[in-house]
Amino acid sequence: MNRVMHNGQVLPLERAANTMLQAGDRLEIVEDGTRLLAAGHQMRPAIEAYQRVLALDSTNAQAHLGLGRAYRLEASHAGVPSERMALLDQAITHFEAARVANPADAQAQFGIAQSFLDAASLIGGNRDAYVQHVFPYVDAVRAASAQRPDLYAPMGYELDRRLQSLGVLTLLPSGVFTVTFELSG
């Protein structure tokens, strides 16, 4: 087994290589995952890239955000509803970790809201449990879009459109949305 000295310790080569990765290297791996996702339908290699970063830094917001996106995209291609729900649960878990690591980034809030709406669409008649969780994240995206409309307003519009398609929001003639959903207990 190959070993190397790092910070006064003799470590297996693989562990030393992982330990020596700098923040720039981690960012490069995250960017690799993002490129793989953007290339379309390359979720597994992207997931592996993000997981490599999280193995080194479990609080890396960008890696959690990327994993959330990858699992959500993978869920959209899964054929069996139970598999889709399991992947959406994983997406929500990683979006939530990204939100905790970087509360100012509305992308994680958007991902959580989108994943809950995906689950609500999948469930159909039993959607209320998922829909009621969406509103705090929608509000966070709207607040962010008031500060950075160039970046976050399209996310807010997309969420409004999805809520309207589920019959949760109604667009009034005045151009104002009204909520047509009652939160349970």
N, C-alpha and C. Protein backbone atom coordinates (compact mmCIF):
# COMPACT_ATOMS: atom_id res chain seq x y z
N MET A 1 0.84 -1.17 0.00
CA MET A 1 0.00 0.00 0.00
C MET A 1 0.89 1.24 0.00
N ASN A 2 0.59 2.18 -0.88
CA ASN A 2 1.36 3.42 -0.95
C ASN A 2 0.95 4.35 0.18
N ARG A 3 1.99 4.95 0.81
CA ARG A 3 1.74 5.88 1.91
C ARG A 3 2.54 7.15 1.64
N VAL A 4 2.05 8.22 2.26
CA VAL A 4 2.70 9.51 2.09
C VAL A 4 2.64 10.26 3.42
N MET A 5 3.62 11.15 3.65
CA MET A 5 3.65 11.96 4.86
C MET A 5 2.88 13.24 4.59
N HIS A 6 1.91 13.54 5.49
CA HIS A 6 1.13 14.78 5.37
C HIS A 6 0.89 15.33 6.77
N ASN A 7 1.33 16.58 7.01
CA ASN A 7 1.18 17.23 8.32
C ASN A 7 1.71 16.35 9.46
N GLY A 8 2.85 15.73 9.24
CA GLY A 8 3.48 14.93 10.27
C GLY A 8 2.88 13.54 10.47
N GLN A 9 1.94 13.16 9.62
CA GLN A 9 1.31 11.85 9.74
C GLN A 9 1.58 11.05 8.47
N VAL A 10 1.75 9.74 8.66
CA VAL A 10 1.86 8.84 7.53
C VAL A 10 0.45 8.38 7.19
N LEU A 11 0.00 8.72 5.99
CA LEU A 11 -1.37 8.40 5.57
C LEU A 11 -1.35 7.55 4.31
N PRO A 12 -2.38 6.72 4.14
CA PRO A 12 -2.51 6.04 2.85
C PRO A 12 -2.61 7.09 1.76
N LEU A 13 -2.08 6.78 0.59
CA LEU A 13 -1.99 7.74 -0.50
C LEU A 13 -3.35 8.36 -0.84
N GLU A 14 -4.38 7.53 -0.94
CA GLU A 14 -5.70 8.06 -1.31
C GLU A 14 -6.23 9.05 -0.27
N ARG A 15 -6.07 8.70 1.01
CA ARG A 15 -6.54 9.60 2.07
C ARG A 15 -5.73 10.90 2.07
N ALA A 16 -4.44 10.80 1.86
CA ALA A 16 -3.61 12.00 1.82
C ALA A 16 -4.01 12.89 0.65
N ALA A 17 -4.27 12.28 -0.50
CA ALA A 17 -4.68 13.06 -1.67
C ALA A 17 -5.99 13.79 -1.38
N ASN A 18 -6.93 13.10 -0.76
CA ASN A 18 -8.20 13.74 -0.41
C ASN A 18 -8.00 14.86 0.62
N THR A 19 -7.14 14.61 1.60
CA THR A 19 -6.89 15.60 2.64
C THR A 19 -6.23 16.84 2.07
N MET A 20 -5.37 16.66 1.08
CA MET A 20 -4.62 17.78 0.52
C MET A 20 -5.41 18.60 -0.49
N LEU A 21 -6.58 18.15 -0.87
CA LEU A 21 -7.37 18.95 -1.81
C LEU A 21 -7.68 20.31 -1.19
N GLN A 22 -7.37 21.33 -1.89
CA GLN A 22 -7.64 22.68 -1.44
C GLN A 22 -9.04 23.11 -1.85
N ALA A 23 -9.49 24.24 -1.32
CA ALA A 23 -10.83 24.76 -1.63
C ALA A 23 -11.00 24.95 -3.14
N GLY A 24 -9.96 25.40 -3.82
CA GLY A 24 -10.03 25.58 -5.28
C GLY A 24 -10.28 24.27 -5.99
N ASP A 25 -9.66 23.20 -5.51
CA ASP A 25 -9.87 21.88 -6.10
C ASP A 25 -11.30 21.41 -5.87
N ARG A 26 -11.84 21.67 -4.68
CA ARG A 26 -13.21 21.29 -4.38
C ARG A 26 -14.17 22.05 -5.28
N LEU A 27 -13.90 23.34 -5.48
CA LEU A 27 -14.73 24.15 -6.37
C LEU A 27 -14.69 23.58 -7.78
N GLU A 28 -13.51 23.16 -8.21
CA GLU A 28 -13.38 22.59 -9.56
C GLU A 28 -14.21 21.30 -9.69
N ILE A 29 -14.22 20.47 -8.66
CA ILE A 29 -15.01 19.25 -8.70
C ILE A 29 -16.50 19.60 -8.75
N VAL A 30 -16.93 20.60 -7.96
CA VAL A 30 -18.33 21.04 -8.00
C VAL A 30 -18.67 21.53 -9.40
N GLU A 31 -17.77 22.31 -10.00
CA GLU A 31 -18.01 22.80 -11.35
C GLU A 31 -18.08 21.65 -12.36
N ASP A 32 -17.27 20.62 -12.16
CA ASP A 32 -17.35 19.43 -13.02
C ASP A 32 -18.74 18.81 -12.92
N GLY A 33 -19.25 18.67 -11.70
CA GLY A 33 -20.60 18.11 -11.51
C GLY A 33 -21.64 18.97 -12.20
N THR A 34 -21.50 20.27 -12.09
CA THR A 34 -22.46 21.19 -12.71
C THR A 34 -22.41 21.06 -14.23
N ARG A 35 -21.22 20.93 -14.79
CA ARG A 35 -21.09 20.74 -16.26
C ARG A 35 -21.73 19.42 -16.69
N LEU A 36 -21.54 18.39 -15.90
CA LEU A 36 -22.14 17.09 -16.24
C LEU A 36 -23.67 17.18 -16.24
N LEU A 37 -24.23 17.88 -15.25
CA LEU A 37 -25.69 18.05 -15.22
C LEU A 37 -26.17 18.87 -16.41
N ALA A 38 -25.44 19.94 -16.72
CA ALA A 38 -25.83 20.80 -17.83
C ALA A 38 -25.74 20.06 -19.16
N ALA A 39 -24.86 19.08 -19.25
CA ALA A 39 -24.72 18.31 -20.49
C ALA A 39 -25.93 17.43 -20.73
N GLY A 40 -26.73 17.24 -19.71
CA GLY A 40 -27.99 16.51 -19.84
C GLY A 40 -27.85 15.02 -19.58
N HIS A 41 -28.68 14.55 -18.69
CA HIS A 41 -28.85 13.13 -18.40
C HIS A 41 -27.57 12.43 -17.96
N GLN A 42 -26.63 13.18 -17.38
CA GLN A 42 -25.42 12.56 -16.84
C GLN A 42 -25.43 12.72 -15.32
N MET A 43 -26.55 12.26 -14.72
CA MET A 43 -26.73 12.46 -13.30
C MET A 43 -25.75 11.64 -12.46
N ARG A 44 -25.52 10.38 -12.79
CA ARG A 44 -24.65 9.53 -11.96
C ARG A 44 -23.24 10.10 -11.84
N PRO A 45 -22.56 10.49 -12.95
CA PRO A 45 -21.23 11.08 -12.78
C PRO A 45 -21.27 12.40 -12.01
N ALA A 46 -22.33 13.19 -12.20
CA ALA A 46 -22.46 14.44 -11.45
C ALA A 46 -22.64 14.15 -9.97
N ILE A 47 -23.50 13.19 -9.65
CA ILE A 47 -23.73 12.81 -8.25
C ILE A 47 -22.42 12.36 -7.62
N GLU A 48 -21.65 11.57 -8.33
CA GLU A 48 -20.36 11.09 -7.79
C GLU A 48 -19.40 12.25 -7.55
N ALA A 49 -19.39 13.24 -8.44
CA ALA A 49 -18.50 14.40 -8.26
C ALA A 49 -18.90 15.18 -7.01
N TYR A 50 -20.19 15.43 -6.84
CA TYR A 50 -20.65 16.17 -5.66
C TYR A 50 -20.39 15.37 -4.38
N GLN A 51 -20.58 14.06 -4.43
CA GLN A 51 -20.34 13.24 -3.25
C GLN A 51 -18.86 13.25 -2.86
N ARG A 52 -17.96 13.33 -3.85
CA ARG A 52 -16.52 13.42 -3.54
C ARG A 52 -16.23 14.69 -2.73
N VAL A 53 -16.86 15.80 -3.13
CA VAL A 53 -16.65 17.04 -2.40
C VAL A 53 -17.22 16.93 -0.99
N LEU A 54 -18.42 16.36 -0.86
CA LEU A 54 -19.04 16.25 0.46
C LEU A 54 -18.28 15.29 1.38
N ALA A 55 -17.58 14.33 0.80
CA ALA A 55 -16.75 13.43 1.61
C ALA A 55 -15.61 14.21 2.26
N LEU A 56 -15.19 15.29 1.61
CA LEU A 56 -14.10 16.12 2.12
C LEU A 56 -14.62 17.29 2.97
N ASP A 57 -15.80 17.79 2.60
CA ASP A 57 -16.37 18.96 3.27
C ASP A 57 -17.88 18.79 3.30
N SER A 58 -18.40 18.23 4.38
CA SER A 58 -19.82 17.87 4.46
C SER A 58 -20.75 19.08 4.50
N THR A 59 -20.21 20.29 4.64
CA THR A 59 -21.05 21.48 4.68
C THR A 59 -20.95 22.31 3.41
N ASN A 60 -20.36 21.79 2.36
CA ASN A 60 -20.19 22.54 1.12
C ASN A 60 -21.56 22.80 0.48
N ALA A 61 -22.00 24.05 0.54
CA ALA A 61 -23.33 24.42 0.05
C ALA A 61 -23.50 24.14 -1.44
N GLN A 62 -22.48 24.41 -2.23
CA GLN A 62 -22.59 24.21 -3.67
C GLN A 62 -22.71 22.73 -4.03
N ALA A 63 -21.99 21.88 -3.31
CA ALA A 63 -22.10 20.44 -3.57
C ALA A 63 -23.49 19.93 -3.16
N HIS A 64 -24.02 20.40 -2.03
CA HIS A 64 -25.37 20.01 -1.63
C HIS A 64 -26.40 20.51 -2.64
N LEU A 65 -26.23 21.73 -3.11
CA LEU A 65 -27.14 22.29 -4.10
C LEU A 65 -27.09 21.46 -5.39
N GLY A 66 -25.88 21.12 -5.82
CA GLY A 66 -25.73 20.29 -7.02
C GLY A 66 -26.34 18.92 -6.85
N LEU A 67 -26.15 18.30 -5.68
CA LEU A 67 -26.75 16.99 -5.44
C LEU A 67 -28.27 17.08 -5.43
N GLY A 68 -28.80 18.13 -4.83
CA GLY A 68 -30.25 18.32 -4.85
C GLY A 68 -30.77 18.41 -6.28
N ARG A 69 -30.09 19.19 -7.10
CA ARG A 69 -30.51 19.32 -8.51
C ARG A 69 -30.40 17.98 -9.24
N ALA A 70 -29.31 17.26 -8.99
CA ALA A 70 -29.11 15.98 -9.68
C ALA A 70 -30.18 14.97 -9.28
N TYR A 71 -30.47 14.86 -7.98
CA TYR A 71 -31.50 13.91 -7.54
C TYR A 71 -32.87 14.31 -8.05
N ARG A 72 -33.16 15.62 -8.09
CA ARG A 72 -34.46 16.07 -8.61
C ARG A 72 -34.57 15.73 -10.10
N LEU A 73 -33.50 15.97 -10.84
CA LEU A 73 -33.49 15.64 -12.27
C LEU A 73 -33.61 14.13 -12.47
N GLU A 74 -32.91 13.37 -11.67
CA GLU A 74 -32.99 11.91 -11.76
C GLU A 74 -34.41 11.44 -11.44
N ALA A 75 -35.06 12.08 -10.47
CA ALA A 75 -36.44 11.73 -10.13
C ALA A 75 -37.38 11.96 -11.31
N SER A 76 -37.12 12.99 -12.08
CA SER A 76 -38.00 13.29 -13.21
C SER A 76 -37.91 12.22 -14.30
N HIS A 77 -36.85 11.43 -14.29
CA HIS A 77 -36.67 10.37 -15.28
C HIS A 77 -36.97 8.98 -14.73
N ALA A 78 -37.22 8.89 -13.44
CA ALA A 78 -37.51 7.59 -12.83
C ALA A 78 -38.92 7.16 -13.23
N GLY A 79 -39.08 5.88 -13.49
CA GLY A 79 -40.37 5.38 -13.96
C GLY A 79 -41.34 5.02 -12.84
N VAL A 80 -40.84 4.51 -11.75
CA VAL A 80 -41.68 4.00 -10.67
C VAL A 80 -41.93 5.14 -9.66
N PRO A 81 -43.20 5.42 -9.31
CA PRO A 81 -43.49 6.52 -8.37
C PRO A 81 -42.74 6.43 -7.04
N SER A 82 -42.58 5.24 -6.50
CA SER A 82 -41.87 5.12 -5.22
C SER A 82 -40.39 5.51 -5.38
N GLU A 83 -39.80 5.19 -6.51
CA GLU A 83 -38.41 5.58 -6.78
C GLU A 83 -38.33 7.09 -6.94
N ARG A 84 -39.29 7.68 -7.64
CA ARG A 84 -39.32 9.13 -7.80
C ARG A 84 -39.41 9.83 -6.45
N MET A 85 -40.30 9.31 -5.58
CA MET A 85 -40.46 9.92 -4.25
C MET A 85 -39.18 9.80 -3.44
N ALA A 86 -38.51 8.66 -3.50
CA ALA A 86 -37.26 8.48 -2.75
C ALA A 86 -36.19 9.46 -3.25
N LEU A 87 -36.11 9.65 -4.56
CA LEU A 87 -35.14 10.59 -5.12
C LEU A 87 -35.50 12.03 -4.75
N LEU A 88 -36.80 12.36 -4.75
CA LEU A 88 -37.22 13.70 -4.34
C LEU A 88 -36.90 13.94 -2.87
N ASP A 89 -37.05 12.92 -2.03
CA ASP A 89 -36.67 13.04 -0.62
C ASP A 89 -35.17 13.34 -0.49
N GLN A 90 -34.36 12.65 -1.29
CA GLN A 90 -32.92 12.92 -1.26
C GLN A 90 -32.63 14.34 -1.74
N ALA A 91 -33.33 14.77 -2.79
CA ALA A 91 -33.14 16.13 -3.30
C ALA A 91 -33.45 17.15 -2.20
N ILE A 92 -34.59 16.97 -1.53
CA ILE A 92 -34.99 17.91 -0.47
C ILE A 92 -33.95 17.92 0.64
N THR A 93 -33.44 16.75 1.02
CA THR A 93 -32.42 16.67 2.07
C THR A 93 -31.19 17.50 1.70
N HIS A 94 -30.74 17.40 0.46
CA HIS A 94 -29.54 18.14 0.04
C HIS A 94 -29.83 19.62 -0.16
N PHE A 95 -31.00 19.96 -0.69
CA PHE A 95 -31.35 21.38 -0.80
C PHE A 95 -31.42 22.01 0.59
N GLU A 96 -31.97 21.27 1.55
CA GLU A 96 -32.06 21.78 2.92
C GLU A 96 -30.66 21.97 3.52
N ALA A 97 -29.76 21.04 3.26
CA ALA A 97 -28.38 21.18 3.75
C ALA A 97 -27.71 22.40 3.11
N ALA A 98 -27.98 22.64 1.83
CA ALA A 98 -27.44 23.83 1.15
C ALA A 98 -28.02 25.10 1.76
N ARG A 99 -29.30 25.07 2.09
CA ARG A 99 -29.96 26.24 2.71
C ARG A 99 -29.36 26.54 4.07
N VAL A 100 -29.11 25.51 4.84
CA VAL A 100 -28.51 25.69 6.17
C VAL A 100 -27.09 26.24 6.03
N ALA A 101 -26.33 25.72 5.08
CA ALA A 101 -24.94 26.15 4.89
C ALA A 101 -24.85 27.57 4.33
N ASN A 102 -25.85 27.98 3.53
CA ASN A 102 -25.82 29.31 2.93
C ASN A 102 -27.24 29.86 2.88
N PRO A 103 -27.75 30.37 4.00
CA PRO A 103 -29.14 30.82 4.07
C PRO A 103 -29.49 31.96 3.12
N ALA A 104 -28.51 32.73 2.67
CA ALA A 104 -28.78 33.87 1.79
C ALA A 104 -29.02 33.46 0.34
N ASP A 105 -28.70 32.23 -0.02
CA ASP A 105 -28.84 31.78 -1.40
C ASP A 105 -30.23 31.20 -1.63
N ALA A 106 -31.04 31.90 -2.39
CA ALA A 106 -32.42 31.47 -2.64
C ALA A 106 -32.52 30.26 -3.56
N GLN A 107 -31.42 29.87 -4.18
CA GLN A 107 -31.46 28.70 -5.06
C GLN A 107 -31.86 27.43 -4.31
N ALA A 108 -31.38 27.30 -3.07
CA ALA A 108 -31.74 26.13 -2.27
C ALA A 108 -33.23 26.17 -1.91
N GLN A 109 -33.72 27.36 -1.56
CA GLN A 109 -35.15 27.52 -1.24
C GLN A 109 -36.00 27.13 -2.46
N PHE A 110 -35.55 27.59 -3.62
CA PHE A 110 -36.24 27.28 -4.87
C PHE A 110 -36.24 25.77 -5.11
N GLY A 111 -35.11 25.13 -4.90
CA GLY A 111 -35.01 23.68 -5.09
C GLY A 111 -35.93 22.91 -4.16
N ILE A 112 -36.01 23.36 -2.90
CA ILE A 112 -36.90 22.69 -1.95
C ILE A 112 -38.35 22.85 -2.40
N ALA A 113 -38.73 24.07 -2.77
CA ALA A 113 -40.11 24.32 -3.21
C ALA A 113 -40.43 23.50 -4.45
N GLN A 114 -39.51 23.48 -5.43
CA GLN A 114 -39.74 22.70 -6.65
C GLN A 114 -39.90 21.21 -6.33
N SER A 115 -39.08 20.71 -5.43
CA SER A 115 -39.15 19.28 -5.08
C SER A 115 -40.47 18.94 -4.39
N PHE A 116 -40.92 19.81 -3.48
CA PHE A 116 -42.22 19.58 -2.84
C PHE A 116 -43.34 19.64 -3.88
N LEU A 117 -43.25 20.57 -4.83
CA LEU A 117 -44.27 20.65 -5.88
C LEU A 117 -44.22 19.43 -6.79
N ASP A 118 -43.04 18.93 -7.07
CA ASP A 118 -42.91 17.68 -7.85
C ASP A 118 -43.61 16.54 -7.12
N ALA A 119 -43.37 16.45 -5.81
CA ALA A 119 -44.00 15.39 -5.00
C ALA A 119 -45.51 15.57 -4.99
N ALA A 120 -45.98 16.81 -4.84
CA ALA A 120 -47.43 17.07 -4.83
C ALA A 120 -48.06 16.66 -6.16
N SER A 121 -47.37 16.93 -7.26
CA SER A 121 -47.89 16.54 -8.58
C SER A 121 -47.91 15.03 -8.73
N LEU A 122 -46.93 14.36 -8.17
CA LEU A 122 -46.83 12.91 -8.27
C LEU A 122 -47.93 12.24 -7.44
N ILE A 123 -48.18 12.78 -6.26
CA ILE A 123 -49.16 12.20 -5.35
C ILE A 123 -50.58 12.42 -5.86
N GLY A 124 -50.84 13.56 -6.47
CA GLY A 124 -52.18 13.84 -6.98
C GLY A 124 -53.12 14.24 -5.86
N GLY A 125 -54.14 13.45 -5.59
CA GLY A 125 -55.18 13.80 -4.64
C GLY A 125 -54.70 13.98 -3.21
N ASN A 126 -53.58 13.40 -2.86
CA ASN A 126 -53.06 13.49 -1.50
C ASN A 126 -51.92 14.50 -1.41
N ARG A 127 -52.04 15.59 -2.15
CA ARG A 127 -50.94 16.53 -2.33
C ARG A 127 -50.81 17.56 -1.23
N ASP A 128 -51.85 17.76 -0.43
CA ASP A 128 -51.87 18.86 0.53
C ASP A 128 -50.71 18.82 1.51
N ALA A 129 -50.31 17.65 1.94
CA ALA A 129 -49.19 17.54 2.88
C ALA A 129 -47.92 18.14 2.30
N TYR A 130 -47.75 18.01 0.99
CA TYR A 130 -46.56 18.56 0.34
C TYR A 130 -46.72 20.04 0.05
N VAL A 131 -47.89 20.42 -0.42
CA VAL A 131 -48.12 21.81 -0.81
C VAL A 131 -47.97 22.75 0.38
N GLN A 132 -48.44 22.35 1.54
CA GLN A 132 -48.37 23.25 2.69
C GLN A 132 -46.93 23.56 3.09
N HIS A 133 -45.98 22.70 2.73
CA HIS A 133 -44.57 22.95 3.06
C HIS A 133 -43.92 23.94 2.09
N VAL A 134 -44.55 24.21 0.98
CA VAL A 134 -43.95 25.02 -0.07
C VAL A 134 -43.90 26.51 0.29
N PHE A 135 -44.93 27.00 0.97
CA PHE A 135 -45.09 28.44 1.12
C PHE A 135 -43.92 29.18 1.78
N PRO A 136 -43.30 28.66 2.85
CA PRO A 136 -42.15 29.41 3.41
C PRO A 136 -41.00 29.56 2.40
N TYR A 137 -40.80 28.55 1.57
CA TYR A 137 -39.73 28.60 0.59
C TYR A 137 -40.08 29.55 -0.56
N VAL A 138 -41.36 29.54 -0.95
CA VAL A 138 -41.82 30.48 -1.97
C VAL A 138 -41.63 31.91 -1.46
N ASP A 139 -41.99 32.15 -0.21
CA ASP A 139 -41.82 33.49 0.38
C ASP A 139 -40.35 33.90 0.39
N ALA A 140 -39.47 32.96 0.71
CA ALA A 140 -38.03 33.27 0.73
C ALA A 140 -37.53 33.62 -0.67
N VAL A 141 -37.99 32.90 -1.69
CA VAL A 141 -37.59 33.20 -3.07
C VAL A 141 -38.13 34.57 -3.47
N ARG A 142 -39.37 34.86 -3.11
CA ARG A 142 -39.94 36.19 -3.43
C ARG A 142 -39.16 37.31 -2.74
N ALA A 143 -38.78 37.10 -1.50
CA ALA A 143 -38.01 38.12 -0.78
C ALA A 143 -36.66 38.33 -1.46
N ALA A 144 -36.03 37.24 -1.88
CA ALA A 144 -34.75 37.36 -2.57
C ALA A 144 -34.92 38.05 -3.91
N SER A 145 -36.04 37.81 -4.61
CA SER A 145 -36.22 38.43 -5.92
C SER A 145 -36.50 39.92 -5.79
N ALA A 146 -36.97 40.37 -4.63
CA ALA A 146 -37.14 41.80 -4.42
C ALA A 146 -35.77 42.48 -4.33
N GLN A 147 -34.77 41.74 -3.82
CA GLN A 147 -33.42 42.29 -3.70
C GLN A 147 -32.60 42.09 -4.97
N ARG A 148 -32.77 40.96 -5.63
CA ARG A 148 -32.02 40.63 -6.84
C ARG A 148 -32.96 40.11 -7.92
N PRO A 149 -33.82 40.98 -8.49
CA PRO A 149 -34.80 40.50 -9.47
C PRO A 149 -34.16 39.86 -10.69
N ASP A 150 -32.98 40.32 -11.07
CA ASP A 150 -32.30 39.74 -12.23
C ASP A 150 -31.97 38.27 -12.02
N LEU A 151 -31.70 37.89 -10.79
CA LEU A 151 -31.29 36.52 -10.49
C LEU A 151 -32.45 35.64 -10.04
N TYR A 152 -33.33 36.19 -9.18
CA TYR A 152 -34.32 35.34 -8.53
C TYR A 152 -35.76 35.50 -9.03
N ALA A 153 -36.09 36.59 -9.73
CA ALA A 153 -37.47 36.77 -10.19
C ALA A 153 -37.95 35.62 -11.06
N PRO A 154 -37.14 35.11 -11.99
CA PRO A 154 -37.63 33.96 -12.79
C PRO A 154 -38.00 32.75 -11.92
N MET A 155 -37.29 32.56 -10.82
CA MET A 155 -37.62 31.46 -9.92
C MET A 155 -38.99 31.69 -9.29
N GLY A 156 -39.26 32.91 -8.86
CA GLY A 156 -40.55 33.24 -8.27
C GLY A 156 -41.68 33.05 -9.26
N TYR A 157 -41.47 33.48 -10.50
CA TYR A 157 -42.49 33.29 -11.53
C TYR A 157 -42.76 31.82 -11.78
N GLU A 158 -41.70 31.03 -11.82
CA GLU A 158 -41.86 29.58 -12.05
C GLU A 158 -42.65 28.93 -10.92
N LEU A 159 -42.36 29.32 -9.68
CA LEU A 159 -43.10 28.76 -8.54
C LEU A 159 -44.57 29.17 -8.60
N ASP A 160 -44.83 30.43 -8.92
CA ASP A 160 -46.22 30.89 -9.04
C ASP A 160 -46.95 30.11 -10.13
N ARG A 161 -46.28 29.89 -11.25
CA ARG A 161 -46.90 29.14 -12.35
C ARG A 161 -47.23 27.72 -11.92
N ARG A 162 -46.31 27.09 -11.21
CA ARG A 162 -46.54 25.71 -10.75
C ARG A 162 -47.66 25.65 -9.73
N LEU A 163 -47.69 26.60 -8.81
CA LEU A 163 -48.77 26.63 -7.82
C LEU A 163 -50.12 26.88 -8.49
N GLN A 164 -50.12 27.72 -9.51
CA GLN A 164 -51.36 27.98 -10.25
C GLN A 164 -51.82 26.71 -10.99
N SER A 165 -50.89 25.97 -11.57
CA SER A 165 -51.25 24.74 -12.29
C SER A 165 -51.81 23.67 -11.36
N LEU A 166 -51.41 23.72 -10.08
CA LEU A 166 -51.95 22.77 -9.09
C LEU A 166 -53.26 23.26 -8.49
N GLY A 167 -53.71 24.46 -8.89
CA GLY A 167 -54.95 25.00 -8.36
C GLY A 167 -54.78 25.62 -6.98
N VAL A 168 -53.56 25.92 -6.58
CA VAL A 168 -53.28 26.47 -5.27
C VAL A 168 -53.33 27.99 -5.30
N LEU A 169 -52.94 28.58 -6.42
CA LEU A 169 -53.02 30.03 -6.60
C LEU A 169 -53.96 30.32 -7.75
N THR A 170 -54.66 31.44 -7.64
CA THR A 170 -55.52 31.90 -8.72
C THR A 170 -55.10 33.32 -9.07
N LEU A 171 -54.94 33.58 -10.35
CA LEU A 171 -54.60 34.92 -10.81
C LEU A 171 -55.88 35.70 -10.99
N LEU A 172 -56.02 36.79 -10.24
CA LEU A 172 -57.20 37.65 -10.33
C LEU A 172 -57.06 38.58 -11.53
N PRO A 173 -58.17 39.12 -12.05
CA PRO A 173 -58.09 40.05 -13.18
C PRO A 173 -57.17 41.25 -12.91
N SER A 174 -57.01 41.62 -11.65
CA SER A 174 -56.14 42.74 -11.30
C SER A 174 -54.66 42.39 -11.44
N GLY A 175 -54.36 41.11 -11.70
CA GLY A 175 -52.97 40.68 -11.82
C GLY A 175 -52.37 40.21 -10.51
N VAL A 176 -53.18 40.13 -9.47
CA VAL A 176 -52.73 39.70 -8.15
C VAL A 176 -53.11 38.23 -7.96
N PHE A 177 -52.20 37.47 -7.35
CA PHE A 177 -52.49 36.08 -7.04
C PHE A 177 -53.23 35.99 -5.71
N THR A 178 -54.15 35.08 -5.61
CA THR A 178 -54.80 34.78 -4.34
C THR A 178 -54.61 33.29 -4.06
N VAL A 179 -54.35 32.95 -2.81
CA VAL A 179 -54.13 31.56 -2.41
C VAL A 179 -55.50 30.88 -2.30
N THR A 180 -55.62 29.74 -2.96
CA THR A 180 -56.87 28.98 -2.92
C THR A 180 -56.65 27.65 -2.21
N PHE A 181 -55.85 27.70 -1.18
CA PHE A 181 -55.45 26.50 -0.46
C PHE A 181 -55.50 26.81 1.03
N GLU A 182 -56.09 25.93 1.79
CA GLU A 182 -56.13 26.11 3.24
C GLU A 182 -55.10 25.21 3.90
N LEU A 183 -54.31 25.78 4.77
CA LEU A 183 -53.33 24.98 5.50
C LEU A 183 -54.06 24.17 6.56
N SER A 184 -53.70 22.91 6.64
CA SER A 184 -54.33 22.05 7.65
C SER A 184 -53.63 22.22 8.99
N GLY A 185 -54.42 22.02 10.05
CA GLY A 185 -54.05 22.04 11.43
C GLY A 185 -52.75 22.57 11.74
